[in-house]
Amino acid sequence: MKPLSQAERRAIQSLLEGADDLDDVLDRTVRLLSQLTNQVAVVQYPHLSRALIRHIEFVLLAPRKVLVVLIANSGKVEQRVIDVGQDLGDDALAALRTQFLGSLAGTPLGQLGQSLPGVVSAVSPAQRPAAQALAHGLELLAHSSREERMVMAGTANLARSNVDFPLSIGPVLEALEEQVVMLRLLSEMAQDHRGVAVSIGRENPYDGLAEASVVATGYGPDSAAKIGVLGPTRMDYPTTMAAVRAVARYLSRILGP
């Protein structure tokens, strides 16, 4: 594989290290990879069922309205406003936050639902209805964190390379818009001994991608989620594979263990 230049590596590191949260990191990642390869870049959100709860915050917006914030150690932030069903003051809400955070910090998101009943039962009976509402809000946030999602950038590159798609780029664009197709493909692609997965033309199990190639690799602690590019079958494979691997390494480093 063709190595990236030192200037390209410094650009990757500088751009990704300036990101604020997981959404920003992934958005910057796909835009950067698209620019490096002149192809469509895609990245799966990391699988967060094993991510740990780093922080919980409750913010009182009105006597019965609370903003619930759940932060995972991956950097993912989820939030929603809930009705707690009873009037709460700042002190009471702060006490509930301390109790929830003290009991749940470090808990895997996938096990949150099993841990919440114990937290609620330890709350005083007077505040238990609010605690149950807060627990339900946290469970909804944990579930939304585990949904399969992806981010992409660079679809305009397909239009500029329409000569490489002799029939039409329409099916390729449809496959990209139907995210479940790309998510399934990325999940099914097997990596070689270098940690790179390549699917060329009709090797792709989806008819809409019969004239496209996908180059991907895993990232993160267990490399379960993938980052990659989609482009014409005549793409520059050595340069593309090097760019995908380099960006994946920096992304893994930023997201941490």
C-alpha atoms as a PDB file:
ATOM      1  CA  MET A   1       0.000   0.000   0.000  1.00  0.00           C
ATOM      2  CA  LYS A   2       1.198   3.468  -0.835  1.00  0.00           C
ATOM      3  CA  PRO A   3       2.062   5.398   2.370  1.00  0.00           C
ATOM      4  CA  LEU A   4       0.662   8.862   3.001  1.00  0.00           C
ATOM      5  CA  SER A   5       3.030  11.815   3.033  1.00  0.00           C
ATOM      6  CA  GLN A   6       4.045  13.451   6.308  1.00  0.00           C
ATOM      7  CA  ALA A   7       2.024  16.540   5.329  1.00  0.00           C
ATOM      8  CA  GLU A   8      -1.107  14.418   4.833  1.00  0.00           C
ATOM      9  CA  ARG A   9      -0.581  12.702   8.189  1.00  0.00           C
ATOM     10  CA  ARG A  10      -0.148  16.024   9.987  1.00  0.00           C
ATOM     11  CA  ALA A  11      -3.319  17.326   8.322  1.00  0.00           C
ATOM     12  CA  ILE A  12      -5.278  14.283   9.506  1.00  0.00           C
ATOM     13  CA  GLN A  13      -4.036  14.619  13.063  1.00  0.00           C
ATOM     14  CA  SER A  14      -4.646  18.368  13.214  1.00  0.00           C
ATOM     15  CA  LEU A  15      -8.185  18.186  11.869  1.00  0.00           C
ATOM     16  CA  LEU A  16      -9.398  15.275  13.986  1.00  0.00           C
ATOM     17  CA  GLU A  17      -7.840  16.437  17.256  1.00  0.00           C
ATOM     18  CA  GLY A  18      -9.763  19.714  17.029  1.00  0.00           C
ATOM     19  CA  ALA A  19     -13.159  18.000  17.211  1.00  0.00           C
ATOM     20  CA  ASP A  20     -15.505  18.577  20.168  1.00  0.00           C
ATOM     21  CA  ASP A  21     -17.555  15.372  20.459  1.00  0.00           C
ATOM     22  CA  LEU A  22     -18.231  12.071  18.700  1.00  0.00           C
ATOM     23  CA  ASP A  23     -20.605  13.555  16.119  1.00  0.00           C
ATOM     24  CA  ASP A  24     -18.054  16.236  15.265  1.00  0.00           C
ATOM     25  CA  VAL A  25     -15.223  13.671  15.125  1.00  0.00           C
ATOM     26  CA  LEU A  26     -17.095  11.433  12.690  1.00  0.00           C
ATOM     27  CA  ASP A  27     -18.273  14.341  10.550  1.00  0.00           C
ATOM     28  CA  ARG A  28     -14.727  15.666  10.240  1.00  0.00           C
ATOM     29  CA  THR A  29     -13.454  12.142   9.567  1.00  0.00           C
ATOM     30  CA  VAL A  30     -15.641  11.458   6.546  1.00  0.00           C
ATOM     31  CA  ARG A  31     -15.048  14.903   5.067  1.00  0.00           C
ATOM     32  CA  LEU A  32     -11.305  14.438   5.448  1.00  0.00           C
ATOM     33  CA  LEU A  33     -11.298  10.936   3.980  1.00  0.00           C
ATOM     34  CA  SER A  34     -13.428  12.080   1.066  1.00  0.00           C
ATOM     35  CA  GLN A  35     -10.972  14.886   0.334  1.00  0.00           C
ATOM     36  CA  LEU A  36      -7.972  12.557   0.551  1.00  0.00           C
ATOM     37  CA  THR A  37      -9.437   9.968  -1.830  1.00  0.00           C
ATOM     38  CA  ASN A  38     -11.854  11.993  -4.016  1.00  0.00           C
ATOM     39  CA  GLN A  39     -14.420   9.291  -3.309  1.00  0.00           C
ATOM     40  CA  VAL A  40     -17.501   8.903  -1.116  1.00  0.00           C
ATOM     41  CA  ALA A  41     -16.418   8.335   2.492  1.00  0.00           C
ATOM     42  CA  VAL A  42     -18.586   6.450   4.999  1.00  0.00           C
ATOM     43  CA  VAL A  43     -18.172   5.617   8.672  1.00  0.00           C
ATOM     44  CA  GLN A  44     -20.309   3.534  10.990  1.00  0.00           C
ATOM     45  CA  TYR A  45     -21.019   4.926  14.422  1.00  0.00           C
ATOM     46  CA  PRO A  46     -19.112   2.830  16.962  1.00  0.00           C
ATOM     47  CA  HIS A  47     -21.049   0.013  18.561  1.00  0.00           C
ATOM     48  CA  LEU A  48     -21.861   1.512  21.943  1.00  0.00           C
ATOM     49  CA  SER A  49     -23.493  -1.376  23.802  1.00  0.00           C
ATOM     50  CA  ARG A  50     -20.124  -1.945  25.477  1.00  0.00           C
ATOM     51  CA  ALA A  51     -19.400   1.762  25.956  1.00  0.00           C
ATOM     52  CA  LEU A  52     -19.438   2.881  29.586  1.00  0.00           C
ATOM     53  CA  ILE A  53     -21.411   5.667  31.211  1.00  0.00           C
ATOM     54  CA  ARG A  54     -19.041   8.544  31.912  1.00  0.00           C
ATOM     55  CA  HIS A  55     -21.475  11.177  33.142  1.00  0.00           C
ATOM     56  CA  ILE A  56     -25.153  11.856  33.779  1.00  0.00           C
ATOM     57  CA  GLU A  57     -26.603  15.330  34.078  1.00  0.00           C
ATOM     58  CA  PHE A  58     -30.114  16.528  34.975  1.00  0.00           C
ATOM     59  CA  VAL A  59     -30.941  20.173  34.176  1.00  0.00           C
ATOM     60  CA  LEU A  60     -34.145  21.714  35.516  1.00  0.00           C
ATOM     61  CA  LEU A  61     -35.879  23.664  32.755  1.00  0.00           C
ATOM     62  CA  ALA A  62     -39.229  24.123  34.521  1.00  0.00           C
ATOM     63  CA  PRO A  63     -40.730  22.673  37.729  1.00  0.00           C
ATOM     64  CA  ARG A  64     -41.608  19.410  35.932  1.00  0.00           C
ATOM     65  CA  LYS A  65     -39.382  19.564  32.847  1.00  0.00           C
ATOM     66  CA  VAL A  66     -35.869  18.143  33.038  1.00  0.00           C
ATOM     67  CA  LEU A  67     -33.160  17.910  30.390  1.00  0.00           C
ATOM     68  CA  VAL A  68     -31.542  14.479  30.778  1.00  0.00           C
ATOM     69  CA  VAL A  69     -27.996  14.187  29.421  1.00  0.00           C
ATOM     70  CA  LEU A  70     -26.135  10.888  29.043  1.00  0.00           C
ATOM     71  CA  ILE A  71     -22.428  10.909  28.132  1.00  0.00           C
ATOM     72  CA  ALA A  72     -20.538   7.712  27.230  1.00  0.00           C
ATOM     73  CA  ASN A  73     -16.782   7.207  27.501  1.00  0.00           C
ATOM     74  CA  SER A  74     -16.711   7.060  23.694  1.00  0.00           C
ATOM     75  CA  GLY A  75     -17.601  10.757  23.655  1.00  0.00           C
ATOM     76  CA  LYS A  76     -21.162  10.179  22.491  1.00  0.00           C
ATOM     77  CA  VAL A  77     -23.656  12.611  24.037  1.00  0.00           C
ATOM     78  CA  GLU A  78     -27.400  11.915  24.058  1.00  0.00           C
ATOM     79  CA  GLN A  79     -30.024  14.208  25.548  1.00  0.00           C
ATOM     80  CA  ARG A  80     -33.780  14.693  25.721  1.00  0.00           C
ATOM     81  CA  VAL A  81     -36.344  16.662  27.692  1.00  0.00           C
ATOM     82  CA  ILE A  82     -38.729  14.662  29.882  1.00  0.00           C
ATOM     83  CA  ASP A  83     -41.677  15.388  32.142  1.00  0.00           C
ATOM     84  CA  VAL A  84     -40.903  14.006  35.610  1.00  0.00           C
ATOM     85  CA  GLY A  85     -44.545  14.163  36.716  1.00  0.00           C
ATOM     86  CA  GLN A  86     -43.960  16.136  39.909  1.00  0.00           C
ATOM     87  CA  ASP A  87     -42.538  19.487  40.945  1.00  0.00           C
ATOM     88  CA  LEU A  88     -38.815  19.400  41.666  1.00  0.00           C
ATOM     89  CA  GLY A  89     -36.436  22.035  42.957  1.00  0.00           C
ATOM     90  CA  ASP A  90     -32.781  22.412  42.055  1.00  0.00           C
ATOM     91  CA  ASP A  91     -31.586  20.784  45.283  1.00  0.00           C
ATOM     92  CA  ALA A  92     -33.837  17.756  44.918  1.00  0.00           C
ATOM     93  CA  LEU A  93     -32.796  17.267  41.306  1.00  0.00           C
ATOM     94  CA  ALA A  94     -29.112  17.635  42.207  1.00  0.00           C
ATOM     95  CA  ALA A  95     -29.536  14.937  44.863  1.00  0.00           C
ATOM     96  CA  LEU A  96     -31.139  12.611  42.308  1.00  0.00           C
ATOM     97  CA  ARG A  97     -28.324  13.263  39.839  1.00  0.00           C
ATOM     98  CA  THR A  98     -25.743  12.406  42.494  1.00  0.00           C
ATOM     99  CA  GLN A  99     -27.569   9.185  43.331  1.00  0.00           C
ATOM    100  CA  PHE A 100     -27.944   8.104  39.678  1.00  0.00           C
ATOM    101  CA  LEU A 101     -24.376   9.004  38.739  1.00  0.00           C
ATOM    102  CA  GLY A 102     -22.888   7.384  41.826  1.00  0.00           C
ATOM    103  CA  SER A 103     -24.686   4.127  41.071  1.00  0.00           C
ATOM    104  CA  LEU A 104     -24.328   4.059  37.282  1.00  0.00           C
ATOM    105  CA  ALA A 105     -20.935   5.603  36.421  1.00  0.00           C
ATOM    106  CA  GLY A 106     -18.871   2.964  34.615  1.00  0.00           C
ATOM    107  CA  THR A 107     -21.907   0.819  33.761  1.00  0.00           C
ATOM    108  CA  PRO A 108     -21.969  -0.519  30.163  1.00  0.00           C
ATOM    109  CA  LEU A 109     -24.798   1.044  28.168  1.00  0.00           C
ATOM    110  CA  GLY A 110     -26.012  -2.433  27.266  1.00  0.00           C
ATOM    111  CA  GLN A 111     -26.566  -3.217  30.961  1.00  0.00           C
ATOM    112  CA  LEU A 112     -28.168   0.067  31.962  1.00  0.00           C
ATOM    113  CA  GLY A 113     -31.696  -1.328  31.849  1.00  0.00           C
ATOM    114  CA  GLN A 114     -30.745  -4.016  34.395  1.00  0.00           C
ATOM    115  CA  SER A 115     -29.187  -1.485  36.793  1.00  0.00           C
ATOM    116  CA  LEU A 116     -31.864   1.211  36.816  1.00  0.00           C
ATOM    117  CA  PRO A 117     -34.520  -0.553  38.996  1.00  0.00           C
ATOM    118  CA  GLY A 118     -32.048  -0.783  41.868  1.00  0.00           C
ATOM    119  CA  VAL A 119     -31.287   2.922  41.632  1.00  0.00           C
ATOM    120  CA  VAL A 120     -34.968   3.871  41.602  1.00  0.00           C
ATOM    121  CA  SER A 121     -35.801   1.614  44.568  1.00  0.00           C
ATOM    122  CA  ALA A 122     -33.107   3.348  46.658  1.00  0.00           C
ATOM    123  CA  VAL A 123     -34.748   6.771  46.165  1.00  0.00           C
ATOM    124  CA  SER A 124     -37.065   8.107  48.866  1.00  0.00           C
ATOM    125  CA  PRO A 125     -40.743   7.294  48.212  1.00  0.00           C
ATOM    126  CA  ALA A 126     -41.586  10.983  47.828  1.00  0.00           C
ATOM    127  CA  GLN A 127     -39.232  11.352  44.853  1.00  0.00           C
ATOM    128  CA  ARG A 128     -39.686   7.899  43.359  1.00  0.00           C
ATOM    129  CA  PRO A 129     -42.119   8.974  40.585  1.00  0.00           C
ATOM    130  CA  ALA A 130     -39.553  11.512  39.357  1.00  0.00           C
ATOM    131  CA  ALA A 131     -36.789   8.917  39.662  1.00  0.00           C
ATOM    132  CA  GLN A 132     -38.787   6.452  37.565  1.00  0.00           C
ATOM    133  CA  ALA A 133     -39.310   9.087  34.867  1.00  0.00           C
ATOM    134  CA  LEU A 134     -35.611   9.945  34.881  1.00  0.00           C
ATOM    135  CA  ALA A 135     -34.689   6.276  34.674  1.00  0.00           C
ATOM    136  CA  HIS A 136     -36.996   5.804  31.704  1.00  0.00           C
ATOM    137  CA  GLY A 137     -35.405   8.796  29.991  1.00  0.00           C
ATOM    138  CA  LEU A 138     -31.918   7.374  30.528  1.00  0.00           C
ATOM    139  CA  GLU A 139     -32.994   4.012  29.134  1.00  0.00           C
ATOM    140  CA  LEU A 140     -34.356   5.668  25.986  1.00  0.00           C
ATOM    141  CA  LEU A 141     -31.094   7.578  25.551  1.00  0.00           C
ATOM    142  CA  ALA A 142     -29.037   4.411  25.966  1.00  0.00           C
ATOM    143  CA  HIS A 143     -31.182   2.670  23.346  1.00  0.00           C
ATOM    144  CA  SER A 144     -30.774   5.507  20.839  1.00  0.00           C
ATOM    145  CA  SER A 145     -27.005   5.360  21.408  1.00  0.00           C
ATOM    146  CA  ARG A 146     -26.988   1.740  20.256  1.00  0.00           C
ATOM    147  CA  GLU A 147     -28.862   2.325  16.987  1.00  0.00           C
ATOM    148  CA  GLU A 148     -26.957   1.474  13.802  1.00  0.00           C
ATOM    149  CA  ARG A 149     -26.064   4.693  12.046  1.00  0.00           C
ATOM    150  CA  MET A 150     -23.469   5.978   9.625  1.00  0.00           C
ATOM    151  CA  VAL A 151     -22.154   9.281   8.357  1.00  0.00           C
ATOM    152  CA  MET A 152     -21.044   9.944   4.779  1.00  0.00           C
ATOM    153  CA  ALA A 153     -19.524  12.735   2.726  1.00  0.00           C
ATOM    154  CA  GLY A 154     -18.405  13.311  -0.838  1.00  0.00           C
ATOM    155  CA  THR A 155     -21.384  12.091  -2.867  1.00  0.00           C
ATOM    156  CA  ALA A 156     -20.632  14.917  -5.302  1.00  0.00           C
ATOM    157  CA  ASN A 157     -17.476  13.009  -6.228  1.00  0.00           C
ATOM    158  CA  LEU A 158     -19.668  10.357  -7.864  1.00  0.00           C
ATOM    159  CA  ALA A 159     -21.159  12.915 -10.248  1.00  0.00           C
ATOM    160  CA  ARG A 160     -17.695  14.075 -11.250  1.00  0.00           C
ATOM    161  CA  SER A 161     -16.694  10.507 -12.062  1.00  0.00           C
ATOM    162  CA  ASN A 162     -19.850   9.489 -13.937  1.00  0.00           C
ATOM    163  CA  VAL A 163     -17.702   8.316 -16.846  1.00  0.00           C
ATOM    164  CA  ASP A 164     -16.661   5.457 -14.544  1.00  0.00           C
ATOM    165  CA  PHE A 165     -20.283   4.369 -14.176  1.00  0.00           C
ATOM    166  CA  PRO A 166     -21.276   3.459 -17.747  1.00  0.00           C
ATOM    167  CA  LEU A 167     -24.889   2.653 -16.920  1.00  0.00           C
ATOM    168  CA  SER A 168     -25.921   5.136 -14.249  1.00  0.00           C
ATOM    169  CA  ILE A 169     -24.837   6.412 -10.853  1.00  0.00           C
ATOM    170  CA  GLY A 170     -28.497   6.289  -9.795  1.00  0.00           C
ATOM    171  CA  PRO A 171     -28.349   2.791  -8.231  1.00  0.00           C
ATOM    172  CA  VAL A 172     -25.173   3.728  -6.340  1.00  0.00           C
ATOM    173  CA  LEU A 173     -26.781   6.874  -4.952  1.00  0.00           C
ATOM    174  CA  GLU A 174     -29.853   4.878  -3.941  1.00  0.00           C
ATOM    175  CA  ALA A 175     -27.680   2.369  -2.082  1.00  0.00           C
ATOM    176  CA  LEU A 176     -26.005   5.221  -0.206  1.00  0.00           C
ATOM    177  CA  GLU A 177     -29.321   6.848   0.662  1.00  0.00           C
ATOM    178  CA  GLU A 178     -30.663   3.513   1.898  1.00  0.00           C
ATOM    179  CA  GLN A 179     -28.247   3.422   4.807  1.00  0.00           C
ATOM    180  CA  VAL A 180     -29.224  -0.086   5.850  1.00  0.00           C
ATOM    181  CA  VAL A 181     -27.628  -1.420   2.626  1.00  0.00           C
ATOM    182  CA  MET A 182     -24.273   0.217   3.332  1.00  0.00           C
ATOM    183  CA  LEU A 183     -24.378  -0.657   7.028  1.00  0.00           C
ATOM    184  CA  ARG A 184     -25.022  -4.311   6.217  1.00  0.00           C
ATOM    185  CA  LEU A 185     -22.293  -4.368   3.593  1.00  0.00           C
ATOM    186  CA  LEU A 186     -19.727  -2.799   5.930  1.00  0.00           C
ATOM    187  CA  SER A 187     -20.643  -5.244   8.694  1.00  0.00           C
ATOM    188  CA  GLU A 188     -20.331  -8.251   6.373  1.00  0.00           C
ATOM    189  CA  MET A 189     -17.031  -7.320   4.723  1.00  0.00           C
ATOM    190  CA  ALA A 190     -14.157  -9.530   5.899  1.00  0.00           C
ATOM    191  CA  GLN A 191     -10.764  -7.925   6.489  1.00  0.00           C
ATOM    192  CA  ASP A 192      -7.535  -9.454   5.167  1.00  0.00           C
ATOM    193  CA  HIS A 193      -4.290  -9.928   7.111  1.00  0.00           C
ATOM    194  CA  ARG A 194      -3.571  -6.202   6.725  1.00  0.00           C
ATOM    195  CA  GLY A 195      -6.883  -5.283   8.286  1.00  0.00           C
ATOM    196  CA  VAL A 196      -8.382  -4.048   5.007  1.00  0.00           C
ATOM    197  CA  ALA A 197     -11.615  -5.224   3.366  1.00  0.00           C
ATOM    198  CA  VAL A 198     -12.141  -4.724  -0.375  1.00  0.00           C
ATOM    199  CA  SER A 199     -15.260  -5.526  -2.375  1.00  0.00           C
ATOM    200  CA  ILE A 200     -15.041  -4.893  -6.128  1.00  0.00           C
ATOM    201  CA  GLY A 201     -17.897  -4.624  -8.607  1.00  0.00           C
ATOM    202  CA  ARG A 202     -20.059  -7.707  -8.736  1.00  0.00           C
ATOM    203  CA  GLU A 203     -18.394  -9.050  -5.601  1.00  0.00           C
ATOM    204  CA  ASN A 204     -20.783  -6.693  -3.828  1.00  0.00           C
ATOM    205  CA  PRO A 205     -23.926  -8.619  -2.842  1.00  0.00           C
ATOM    206  CA  TYR A 206     -26.158  -5.657  -3.742  1.00  0.00           C
ATOM    207  CA  ASP A 207     -27.070  -5.051  -7.391  1.00  0.00           C
ATOM    208  CA  GLY A 208     -26.955  -1.277  -7.006  1.00  0.00           C
ATOM    209  CA  LEU A 209     -23.219  -1.482  -6.256  1.00  0.00           C
ATOM    210  CA  ALA A 210     -22.295  -3.768  -9.156  1.00  0.00           C
ATOM    211  CA  GLU A 211     -20.256  -0.980 -10.778  1.00  0.00           C
ATOM    212  CA  ALA A 212     -18.677   0.279  -7.539  1.00  0.00           C
ATOM    213  CA  SER A 213     -15.909  -0.752  -5.195  1.00  0.00           C
ATOM    214  CA  VAL A 214     -15.774  -0.418  -1.431  1.00  0.00           C
ATOM    215  CA  VAL A 215     -12.557  -0.264   0.597  1.00  0.00           C
ATOM    216  CA  ALA A 216     -12.977  -0.375   4.374  1.00  0.00           C
ATOM    217  CA  THR A 217     -11.240  -1.150   7.642  1.00  0.00           C
ATOM    218  CA  GLY A 218     -12.266  -1.422  11.271  1.00  0.00           C
ATOM    219  CA  TYR A 219     -11.582   1.212  13.907  1.00  0.00           C
ATOM    220  CA  GLY A 220     -11.886   1.530  17.655  1.00  0.00           C
ATOM    221  CA  PRO A 221     -10.775  -0.825  20.441  1.00  0.00           C
ATOM    222  CA  ASP A 222     -12.314  -3.968  18.904  1.00  0.00           C
ATOM    223  CA  SER A 223     -12.480  -2.740  15.268  1.00  0.00           C
ATOM    224  CA  ALA A 224     -16.171  -3.694  15.226  1.00  0.00           C
ATOM    225  CA  ALA A 225     -17.286  -0.553  13.390  1.00  0.00           C
ATOM    226  CA  LYS A 226     -15.852   0.264   9.972  1.00  0.00           C
ATOM    227  CA  ILE A 227     -14.745   3.296   8.023  1.00  0.00           C
ATOM    228  CA  GLY A 228     -14.254   3.235   4.263  1.00  0.00           C
ATOM    229  CA  VAL A 229     -14.775   4.710   0.843  1.00  0.00           C
ATOM    230  CA  LEU A 230     -16.995   3.890  -2.096  1.00  0.00           C
ATOM    231  CA  GLY A 231     -16.029   4.737  -5.654  1.00  0.00           C
ATOM    232  CA  PRO A 232     -15.672   3.390  -9.195  1.00  0.00           C
ATOM    233  CA  THR A 233     -13.973   0.050  -9.793  1.00  0.00           C
ATOM    234  CA  ARG A 234     -11.108   1.914 -11.491  1.00  0.00           C
ATOM    235  CA  MET A 235     -10.114   3.731  -8.298  1.00  0.00           C
ATOM    236  CA  ASP A 236      -6.491   3.984  -7.147  1.00  0.00           C
ATOM    237  CA  TYR A 237      -6.562   1.062  -4.700  1.00  0.00           C
ATOM    238  CA  PRO A 238      -3.104   1.434  -3.071  1.00  0.00           C
ATOM    239  CA  THR A 239      -3.617   5.129  -2.291  1.00  0.00           C
ATOM    240  CA  THR A 240      -7.200   4.555  -1.169  1.00  0.00           C
ATOM    241  CA  MET A 241      -6.276   1.694   1.165  1.00  0.00           C
ATOM    242  CA  ALA A 242      -3.441   3.718   2.694  1.00  0.00           C
ATOM    243  CA  ALA A 243      -5.739   6.691   3.319  1.00  0.00           C
ATOM    244  CA  VAL A 244      -8.471   4.542   4.854  1.00  0.00           C
ATOM    245  CA  ARG A 245      -6.034   2.807   7.200  1.00  0.00           C
ATOM    246  CA  ALA A 246      -4.308   6.022   8.234  1.00  0.00           C
ATOM    247  CA  VAL A 247      -7.550   7.844   9.022  1.00  0.00           C
ATOM    248  CA  ALA A 248      -8.863   4.786  10.904  1.00  0.00           C
ATOM    249  CA  ARG A 249      -5.732   4.708  13.084  1.00  0.00           C
ATOM    250  CA  TYR A 250      -6.083   8.379  14.020  1.00  0.00           C
ATOM    251  CA  LEU A 251      -9.805   7.930  14.649  1.00  0.00           C
ATOM    252  CA  SER A 252      -9.099   4.966  16.966  1.00  0.00           C
ATOM    253  CA  ARG A 253      -6.477   6.976  18.825  1.00  0.00           C
ATOM    254  CA  ILE A 254      -8.814   9.926  19.384  1.00  0.00           C
ATOM    255  CA  LEU A 255     -11.741   7.810  20.558  1.00  0.00           C
ATOM    256  CA  GLY A 256      -9.432   5.984  22.970  1.00  0.00           C
ATOM    257  CA  PRO A 257      -9.869   2.587  24.597  1.00  0.00           C
END
